[in-house]
Amino acid sequence: MASGRRLLLYALVKSLGDAVRRNDESGADRYRRRLRLAVKQFTANPPVREALELLLWASGQWLSTDGVERDESKERIFELSRHIMTALSPSTAG
């Protein structure tokens, strides 16, 4: 069950990053809302949870801005996404 949740979080984080990369606001918002619900159930790894919360914040900033500020948020989203996906990958799961 725990690995299923990790896989879901991994997929949601990846999909959010893909939506941001495509500049798909509605997709990013949809994945962000789903991710927010999943994060509430993920308490086993505080550093990952904190990174997920930062990702939610950064993606909210991305959705609420445009131009140069959006580009800065986009880079932060990609950075956080890579960090989280690495932490959630099966090879790093303890």
Protein backbone atom coordinates (compact mmCIF):
# COMPACT_ATOMS: atom_id res chain seq x y z
CA MET A 1 0.00 0.00 0.00
CA ALA A 2 2.77 2.46 0.87
CA SER A 3 4.54 1.83 -2.43
CA GLY A 4 1.25 2.50 -4.25
CA ARG A 5 1.03 5.91 -2.59
CA ARG A 6 4.63 6.66 -3.51
CA LEU A 7 3.91 5.70 -7.11
CA LEU A 8 0.82 7.94 -7.16
CA LEU A 9 2.80 10.87 -5.74
CA TYR A 10 5.57 10.27 -8.27
CA ALA A 11 3.06 10.28 -11.14
CA LEU A 12 1.32 13.43 -9.89
CA VAL A 13 4.61 15.31 -9.42
CA LYS A 14 5.78 14.28 -12.89
CA SER A 15 2.45 15.22 -14.46
CA LEU A 16 2.43 18.61 -12.73
CA GLY A 17 5.92 19.32 -14.08
CA ASP A 18 4.87 18.22 -17.56
CA ALA A 19 1.82 20.52 -17.46
CA VAL A 20 4.00 23.46 -16.36
CA ARG A 21 6.51 22.66 -19.12
CA ARG A 22 3.65 22.77 -21.68
CA ASN A 23 2.34 26.00 -20.10
CA ASP A 24 -0.98 24.18 -19.53
CA GLU A 25 -2.60 26.16 -16.73
CA SER A 26 -5.74 24.03 -16.43
CA GLY A 27 -3.70 20.82 -16.37
CA ALA A 28 -1.29 22.23 -13.79
CA ASP A 29 -4.19 23.34 -11.62
CA ARG A 30 -5.86 19.93 -11.91
CA TYR A 31 -2.66 18.02 -10.96
CA ARG A 32 -1.93 20.50 -8.19
CA ARG A 33 -5.36 19.91 -6.62
CA ARG A 34 -4.91 16.12 -6.83
CA LEU A 35 -1.41 16.39 -5.41
CA ARG A 36 -2.65 18.50 -2.49
CA LEU A 37 -5.10 15.72 -1.54
CA ALA A 38 -2.42 13.03 -1.82
CA VAL A 39 0.10 14.99 0.27
CA LYS A 40 -2.30 15.08 3.22
CA GLN A 41 -2.02 11.28 3.41
CA PHE A 42 1.78 11.19 3.05
CA THR A 43 3.37 11.56 6.47
CA ALA A 44 6.02 8.83 6.46
CA ASN A 45 8.86 11.02 5.20
CA PRO A 46 8.91 14.58 6.58
CA PRO A 47 11.62 15.89 4.18
CA VAL A 48 9.64 14.65 1.17
CA ARG A 49 6.42 16.08 2.60
CA GLU A 50 8.13 19.46 3.08
CA ALA A 51 9.40 19.36 -0.51
CA LEU A 52 5.89 18.49 -1.71
CA GLU A 53 4.48 21.44 0.22
CA LEU A 54 7.11 23.72 -1.36
CA LEU A 55 6.15 22.32 -4.77
CA LEU A 56 2.50 23.13 -4.10
CA TRP A 57 3.47 26.67 -3.09
CA ALA A 58 5.70 27.18 -6.15
CA SER A 59 3.06 25.84 -8.51
CA GLY A 60 0.49 28.17 -6.94
CA GLN A 61 2.87 31.06 -7.58
CA TRP A 62 3.32 29.90 -11.18
CA LEU A 63 -0.43 29.82 -11.71
CA SER A 64 -0.95 33.29 -10.24
CA THR A 65 1.77 35.10 -12.23
CA ASP A 66 3.02 35.55 -15.75
CA GLY A 67 6.13 36.67 -17.61
CA VAL A 68 9.53 36.63 -15.91
CA GLU A 69 8.08 35.72 -12.52
CA ARG A 70 6.41 32.69 -14.09
CA ASP A 71 9.76 31.59 -15.57
CA GLU A 72 11.39 31.80 -12.13
CA SER A 73 8.59 29.75 -10.58
CA LYS A 74 8.84 27.24 -13.42
CA GLU A 75 12.52 26.60 -12.73
CA ARG A 76 11.79 26.14 -9.02
CA ILE A 77 9.01 23.67 -9.88
CA PHE A 78 11.37 21.64 -12.07
CA GLU A 79 14.06 21.63 -9.38
CA LEU A 80 11.64 20.51 -6.67
CA SER A 81 10.04 17.92 -8.96
CA ARG A 82 13.40 16.31 -9.74
CA HIS A 83 14.28 16.23 -6.05
CA ILE A 84 10.94 14.67 -5.06
CA MET A 85 10.89 12.12 -7.88
CA THR A 86 14.41 11.01 -6.93
CA ALA A 87 13.33 10.61 -3.30
CA LEU A 88 10.21 8.66 -4.30
CA SER A 89 11.84 6.38 -6.85
CA PRO A 90 11.90 2.68 -5.95
CA SER A 91 15.71 2.59 -5.96
CA THR A 92 15.86 5.11 -3.08
CA ALA A 93 12.90 3.76 -1.12
CA GLY A 94 14.16 2.17 2.02
